[in-house]
């Protein structure tokens, strides 16, 4: 089941960057699944986290979260309750939202749900 809270626009187009990826590009080992490591490696290369870290302190605070393209409750993603989201907390929130069967990997169907939500173009 999809998590109730889903970030929207996580990989939205920015004015200077176009994001495009296919399932095969993220599935580095060709096993027809996308692991968190494969997802995190690709996402971090795209620089999206730094786009939303407006003040450049390396963390996303609640005001940056609220001003960004996100839906959901900030505290849901702040796993350690320190009042800030690091890149792991933010990216993990998105990844687990689309891991419909909670098995820790994305299959083709879960990838398609992520892609159809408009995260990639």
N, C-alpha and C. Protein backbone atom coordinates (compact mmCIF):
# COMPACT_ATOMS: atom_id res chain seq x y z
N UNK A 1 0.84 -1.16 0.00
CA UNK A 1 0.00 0.00 0.00
C UNK A 1 0.89 1.23 0.00
N UNK A 2 0.52 2.22 -0.81
CA UNK A 2 1.29 3.46 -0.84
C UNK A 2 1.20 4.16 0.50
N UNK A 3 2.28 4.74 0.91
CA UNK A 3 2.25 5.53 2.13
C UNK A 3 1.31 6.70 1.94
N UNK A 4 0.68 7.11 3.00
CA UNK A 4 -0.32 8.17 2.92
C UNK A 4 0.31 9.48 2.47
N UNK A 5 1.50 9.71 2.91
CA UNK A 5 2.14 10.98 2.58
C UNK A 5 3.14 10.78 1.46
N UNK A 6 3.00 11.50 0.40
CA UNK A 6 3.88 11.39 -0.75
C UNK A 6 4.39 12.78 -1.12
N UNK A 7 5.68 12.89 -1.28
CA UNK A 7 6.21 14.16 -1.76
C UNK A 7 5.89 14.29 -3.23
N UNK A 8 5.38 15.43 -3.65
CA UNK A 8 5.14 15.64 -5.06
C UNK A 8 6.12 16.66 -5.58
N UNK A 9 6.56 16.40 -6.72
CA UNK A 9 7.51 17.33 -7.35
C UNK A 9 8.93 17.11 -6.94
N UNK A 10 9.27 15.98 -6.32
CA UNK A 10 10.63 15.76 -5.84
C UNK A 10 11.64 15.93 -6.94
N UNK A 11 11.31 15.47 -8.08
CA UNK A 11 12.23 15.60 -9.20
C UNK A 11 11.67 16.53 -10.26
N UNK A 12 11.02 17.58 -9.81
CA UNK A 12 10.38 18.52 -10.74
C UNK A 12 11.45 19.20 -11.58
N UNK A 13 11.02 19.69 -12.72
CA UNK A 13 11.94 20.41 -13.57
C UNK A 13 12.33 21.71 -12.92
N UNK A 14 13.60 22.01 -12.97
CA UNK A 14 14.03 23.33 -12.51
C UNK A 14 14.31 24.16 -13.75
N UNK A 15 14.54 25.42 -13.58
CA UNK A 15 14.75 26.32 -14.73
C UNK A 15 16.00 25.96 -15.51
N UNK A 16 16.98 25.38 -14.83
CA UNK A 16 18.25 25.13 -15.51
C UNK A 16 18.54 23.66 -15.75
N UNK A 17 17.76 22.78 -15.17
CA UNK A 17 18.07 21.37 -15.25
C UNK A 17 16.86 20.58 -15.70
N UNK A 18 17.06 19.64 -16.58
CA UNK A 18 15.99 18.73 -16.99
C UNK A 18 16.36 17.34 -16.48
N UNK A 19 15.43 16.71 -15.77
CA UNK A 19 15.66 15.38 -15.24
C UNK A 19 14.98 14.37 -16.15
N UNK A 20 15.71 13.37 -16.52
CA UNK A 20 15.14 12.29 -17.30
C UNK A 20 15.88 11.01 -16.95
N UNK A 21 15.15 9.99 -16.72
CA UNK A 21 15.77 8.71 -16.40
C UNK A 21 14.78 7.61 -16.75
N UNK A 22 15.32 6.46 -16.99
CA UNK A 22 14.48 5.30 -17.24
C UNK A 22 14.73 4.28 -16.13
N UNK A 23 13.85 3.31 -16.05
CA UNK A 23 14.02 2.24 -15.06
C UNK A 23 15.38 1.59 -15.25
N UNK A 24 15.74 1.29 -16.48
CA UNK A 24 17.01 0.62 -16.76
C UNK A 24 18.22 1.45 -16.35
N UNK A 25 18.12 2.78 -16.45
CA UNK A 25 19.24 3.63 -16.05
C UNK A 25 19.46 3.59 -14.54
N UNK A 26 18.40 3.47 -13.76
CA UNK A 26 18.56 3.38 -12.32
C UNK A 26 18.87 1.96 -11.86
N UNK A 27 18.45 0.96 -12.61
CA UNK A 27 18.71 -0.44 -12.28
C UNK A 27 20.13 -0.80 -12.72
N UNK A 28 21.11 -0.36 -11.95
CA UNK A 28 22.52 -0.50 -12.32
C UNK A 28 22.98 -1.94 -12.53
N UNK A 29 22.46 -2.87 -11.74
CA UNK A 29 22.92 -4.26 -11.85
C UNK A 29 22.02 -5.12 -12.73
N UNK A 30 20.98 -4.55 -13.31
CA UNK A 30 20.15 -5.28 -14.25
C UNK A 30 19.30 -6.38 -13.66
N UNK A 31 18.96 -6.28 -12.37
CA UNK A 31 18.17 -7.34 -11.75
C UNK A 31 16.66 -7.05 -11.76
N UNK A 32 16.25 -6.06 -12.54
CA UNK A 32 14.84 -5.69 -12.68
C UNK A 32 14.22 -5.14 -11.40
N UNK A 33 15.04 -4.58 -10.52
CA UNK A 33 14.58 -3.87 -9.34
C UNK A 33 15.46 -2.64 -9.17
N UNK A 34 14.94 -1.65 -8.46
CA UNK A 34 15.73 -0.47 -8.11
C UNK A 34 15.84 -0.44 -6.60
N UNK A 35 17.05 -0.65 -6.10
CA UNK A 35 17.28 -0.63 -4.66
C UNK A 35 17.40 0.82 -4.18
N UNK A 36 17.35 1.00 -2.88
CA UNK A 36 17.55 2.34 -2.32
C UNK A 36 18.92 2.88 -2.72
N UNK A 37 19.94 2.03 -2.70
CA UNK A 37 21.28 2.49 -3.08
C UNK A 37 21.31 2.98 -4.52
N UNK A 38 20.66 2.26 -5.43
CA UNK A 38 20.62 2.69 -6.83
C UNK A 38 19.86 4.01 -6.95
N UNK A 39 18.75 4.10 -6.25
CA UNK A 39 17.94 5.32 -6.26
C UNK A 39 18.71 6.50 -5.67
N UNK A 40 19.28 6.32 -4.48
CA UNK A 40 20.02 7.40 -3.83
C UNK A 40 21.20 7.85 -4.67
N UNK A 41 21.92 6.91 -5.27
CA UNK A 41 23.06 7.27 -6.10
C UNK A 41 22.66 8.13 -7.28
N UNK A 42 21.57 7.79 -7.91
CA UNK A 42 21.11 8.57 -9.07
C UNK A 42 20.56 9.92 -8.65
N UNK A 43 19.73 9.94 -7.63
CA UNK A 43 19.11 11.18 -7.17
C UNK A 43 20.17 12.18 -6.72
N UNK A 44 21.15 11.71 -5.95
CA UNK A 44 22.15 12.64 -5.45
C UNK A 44 22.98 13.23 -6.58
N UNK A 45 23.17 12.50 -7.65
CA UNK A 45 23.91 13.02 -8.81
C UNK A 45 23.15 14.14 -9.50
N UNK A 46 21.82 14.17 -9.37
CA UNK A 46 21.01 15.18 -10.06
C UNK A 46 20.98 16.51 -9.32
N UNK A 47 21.43 16.56 -8.06
CA UNK A 47 21.53 17.81 -7.33
C UNK A 47 20.22 18.41 -6.86
N UNK A 48 19.15 17.65 -6.82
CA UNK A 48 17.86 18.23 -6.46
C UNK A 48 17.81 18.71 -5.02
N UNK A 49 18.45 18.01 -4.11
CA UNK A 49 18.42 18.42 -2.70
C UNK A 49 18.96 19.83 -2.53
N UNK A 50 20.07 20.10 -3.16
CA UNK A 50 20.67 21.43 -3.03
C UNK A 50 19.80 22.52 -3.65
N UNK A 51 18.97 22.16 -4.62
CA UNK A 51 18.05 23.13 -5.21
C UNK A 51 17.03 23.62 -4.18
N UNK A 52 16.64 22.76 -3.24
CA UNK A 52 15.64 23.13 -2.24
C UNK A 52 16.24 23.63 -0.94
N UNK A 53 17.54 23.47 -0.79
CA UNK A 53 18.24 23.99 0.39
C UNK A 53 18.58 25.46 0.13
N UNK A 54 17.57 26.31 0.25
CA UNK A 54 17.67 27.71 -0.16
C UNK A 54 18.78 28.45 0.57
N UNK A 55 18.92 28.22 1.87
CA UNK A 55 19.94 28.96 2.61
C UNK A 55 21.32 28.30 2.55
N UNK A 56 21.44 27.17 1.88
CA UNK A 56 22.73 26.53 1.64
C UNK A 56 23.41 25.95 2.86
N UNK A 57 22.64 25.64 3.91
CA UNK A 57 23.27 25.10 5.12
C UNK A 57 23.38 23.57 5.10
N UNK A 58 22.95 22.94 4.01
CA UNK A 58 23.05 21.49 3.89
C UNK A 58 21.88 20.74 4.49
N UNK A 59 20.90 21.47 5.00
CA UNK A 59 19.71 20.87 5.60
C UNK A 59 18.47 21.59 5.08
N UNK A 60 17.35 20.90 5.10
CA UNK A 60 16.09 21.54 4.71
C UNK A 60 15.27 21.72 5.98
N UNK A 61 15.01 22.99 6.31
CA UNK A 61 14.18 23.25 7.48
C UNK A 61 12.71 23.30 7.05
N UNK A 62 11.84 23.48 8.01
CA UNK A 62 10.41 23.40 7.71
C UNK A 62 9.95 24.48 6.73
N UNK A 63 10.51 25.67 6.83
CA UNK A 63 10.10 26.73 5.89
C UNK A 63 10.55 26.41 4.48
N UNK A 64 11.74 25.84 4.30
CA UNK A 64 12.20 25.44 2.96
C UNK A 64 11.32 24.31 2.43
N UNK A 65 10.95 23.39 3.29
CA UNK A 65 10.07 22.28 2.91
C UNK A 65 8.72 22.83 2.47
N UNK A 66 8.15 23.74 3.26
CA UNK A 66 6.84 24.30 2.95
C UNK A 66 6.87 25.12 1.66
N UNK A 67 7.99 25.79 1.39
CA UNK A 67 8.12 26.61 0.18
C UNK A 67 8.47 25.78 -1.05
N UNK A 68 8.91 24.55 -0.84
CA UNK A 68 9.31 23.69 -1.95
C UNK A 68 8.12 22.99 -2.57
N UNK A 69 8.40 22.07 -3.48
CA UNK A 69 7.34 21.38 -4.21
C UNK A 69 6.80 20.15 -3.48
N UNK A 70 6.74 20.22 -2.17
CA UNK A 70 6.43 19.05 -1.37
C UNK A 70 5.01 19.06 -0.85
N UNK A 71 4.41 17.88 -0.79
CA UNK A 71 3.15 17.67 -0.11
C UNK A 71 3.44 16.74 1.05
N UNK A 72 2.65 16.81 2.05
CA UNK A 72 2.84 15.92 3.18
C UNK A 72 3.26 16.70 4.41
N UNK A 73 3.43 15.98 5.47
CA UNK A 73 3.78 16.58 6.74
C UNK A 73 5.28 16.52 6.95
N UNK A 74 5.85 17.66 7.23
CA UNK A 74 7.30 17.78 7.44
C UNK A 74 7.80 16.79 8.48
N UNK A 75 7.08 16.69 9.59
CA UNK A 75 7.54 15.83 10.68
C UNK A 75 7.53 14.35 10.30
N UNK A 76 6.75 13.96 9.31
CA UNK A 76 6.73 12.57 8.86
C UNK A 76 8.10 12.17 8.34
N UNK A 77 8.79 13.09 7.68
CA UNK A 77 10.08 12.80 7.08
C UNK A 77 11.25 13.06 8.02
N UNK A 78 11.06 13.81 9.07
CA UNK A 78 12.13 14.13 10.02
C UNK A 78 12.25 12.99 11.03
N UNK A 79 12.86 11.89 10.59
CA UNK A 79 12.91 10.66 11.38
C UNK A 79 13.55 10.84 12.74
N UNK A 80 14.60 11.67 12.80
CA UNK A 80 15.30 11.82 14.07
C UNK A 80 14.78 13.01 14.89
N UNK A 81 13.73 13.66 14.41
CA UNK A 81 13.07 14.75 15.12
C UNK A 81 14.03 15.86 15.55
N UNK A 82 14.98 16.19 14.67
CA UNK A 82 15.92 17.26 15.00
C UNK A 82 15.51 18.61 14.40
N UNK A 83 14.38 18.64 13.72
CA UNK A 83 13.90 19.89 13.15
C UNK A 83 14.46 20.21 11.77
N UNK A 84 15.24 19.30 11.21
CA UNK A 84 15.82 19.48 9.87
C UNK A 84 15.73 18.18 9.10
N UNK A 85 15.66 18.29 7.78
CA UNK A 85 15.73 17.11 6.93
C UNK A 85 17.09 17.09 6.25
N UNK A 86 17.83 16.01 6.44
CA UNK A 86 19.02 15.83 5.64
C UNK A 86 18.62 15.14 4.34
N UNK A 87 19.55 15.01 3.43
CA UNK A 87 19.19 14.44 2.13
C UNK A 87 18.67 13.01 2.27
N UNK A 88 19.22 12.23 3.19
CA UNK A 88 18.74 10.87 3.36
C UNK A 88 17.28 10.86 3.78
N UNK A 89 16.91 11.68 4.76
CA UNK A 89 15.53 11.69 5.22
C UNK A 89 14.57 12.09 4.09
N UNK A 90 14.96 13.09 3.32
CA UNK A 90 14.09 13.54 2.24
C UNK A 90 13.95 12.49 1.15
N UNK A 91 15.07 11.98 0.66
CA UNK A 91 15.03 10.99 -0.42
C UNK A 91 14.40 9.68 0.04
N UNK A 92 14.65 9.29 1.30
CA UNK A 92 14.06 8.06 1.81
C UNK A 92 12.55 8.19 1.91
N UNK A 93 12.07 9.38 2.29
CA UNK A 93 10.62 9.60 2.35
C UNK A 93 9.96 9.39 1.01
N UNK A 94 10.60 9.87 -0.04
CA UNK A 94 10.05 9.66 -1.39
C UNK A 94 10.12 8.19 -1.77
N UNK A 95 11.28 7.57 -1.57
CA UNK A 95 11.47 6.17 -1.97
C UNK A 95 10.45 5.26 -1.28
N UNK A 96 10.33 5.39 0.04
CA UNK A 96 9.42 4.50 0.75
C UNK A 96 7.96 4.77 0.41
N UNK A 97 7.65 6.00 0.00
CA UNK A 97 6.28 6.31 -0.40
C UNK A 97 5.84 5.49 -1.61
N UNK A 98 6.75 5.16 -2.48
CA UNK A 98 6.41 4.41 -3.69
C UNK A 98 6.79 2.94 -3.61
N UNK A 99 7.31 2.49 -2.48
CA UNK A 99 7.57 1.07 -2.28
C UNK A 99 6.28 0.45 -1.76
N UNK A 100 5.35 0.21 -2.69
CA UNK A 100 3.98 -0.16 -2.36
C UNK A 100 3.88 -1.39 -1.47
N UNK A 101 4.76 -2.37 -1.67
CA UNK A 101 4.67 -3.59 -0.88
C UNK A 101 5.68 -3.63 0.28
N UNK A 102 6.35 -2.51 0.52
CA UNK A 102 7.28 -2.37 1.66
C UNK A 102 8.37 -3.45 1.70
N UNK A 103 8.85 -3.87 0.52
CA UNK A 103 9.90 -4.87 0.50
C UNK A 103 11.31 -4.28 0.35
N UNK A 104 11.40 -2.96 0.29
CA UNK A 104 12.70 -2.31 0.23
C UNK A 104 13.27 -2.14 -1.17
N UNK A 105 12.53 -2.55 -2.19
CA UNK A 105 12.96 -2.37 -3.58
C UNK A 105 11.77 -1.93 -4.42
N UNK A 106 12.09 -1.28 -5.53
CA UNK A 106 11.05 -0.92 -6.50
C UNK A 106 11.06 -1.92 -7.64
N UNK A 107 9.89 -2.42 -7.99
CA UNK A 107 9.75 -3.23 -9.20
C UNK A 107 9.23 -2.31 -10.31
N UNK A 108 8.96 -2.87 -11.47
CA UNK A 108 8.48 -2.06 -12.60
C UNK A 108 7.20 -1.30 -12.26
N UNK A 109 6.27 -1.94 -11.58
CA UNK A 109 5.00 -1.29 -11.25
C UNK A 109 5.21 -0.10 -10.32
N UNK A 110 6.05 -0.27 -9.32
CA UNK A 110 6.32 0.82 -8.38
C UNK A 110 7.05 1.97 -9.08
N UNK A 111 7.99 1.62 -9.95
CA UNK A 111 8.67 2.64 -10.75
C UNK A 111 7.67 3.41 -11.59
N UNK A 112 6.75 2.68 -12.21
CA UNK A 112 5.76 3.34 -13.06
C UNK A 112 4.88 4.29 -12.25
N UNK A 113 4.51 3.91 -11.03
CA UNK A 113 3.73 4.81 -10.18
C UNK A 113 4.51 6.08 -9.87
N UNK A 114 5.78 5.92 -9.56
CA UNK A 114 6.67 7.06 -9.29
C UNK A 114 6.77 7.95 -10.51
N UNK A 115 7.00 7.34 -11.65
CA UNK A 115 7.17 8.07 -12.91
C UNK A 115 5.86 8.76 -13.32
N UNK A 116 4.74 8.06 -13.21
CA UNK A 116 3.44 8.62 -13.60
C UNK A 116 3.00 9.76 -12.70
N UNK A 117 3.56 9.83 -11.50
CA UNK A 117 3.23 10.94 -10.60
C UNK A 117 3.88 12.24 -11.06
N UNK A 118 4.70 12.16 -12.10
CA UNK A 118 5.30 13.37 -12.66
C UNK A 118 6.66 13.71 -12.09
N UNK A 119 7.31 12.77 -11.42
CA UNK A 119 8.61 13.04 -10.86
C UNK A 119 9.70 13.12 -11.92
N UNK A 120 9.51 12.41 -13.00
CA UNK A 120 10.51 12.40 -14.08
C UNK A 120 9.85 12.83 -15.38
N UNK A 121 10.61 13.45 -16.23
CA UNK A 121 10.11 13.83 -17.55
C UNK A 121 11.07 13.33 -18.60
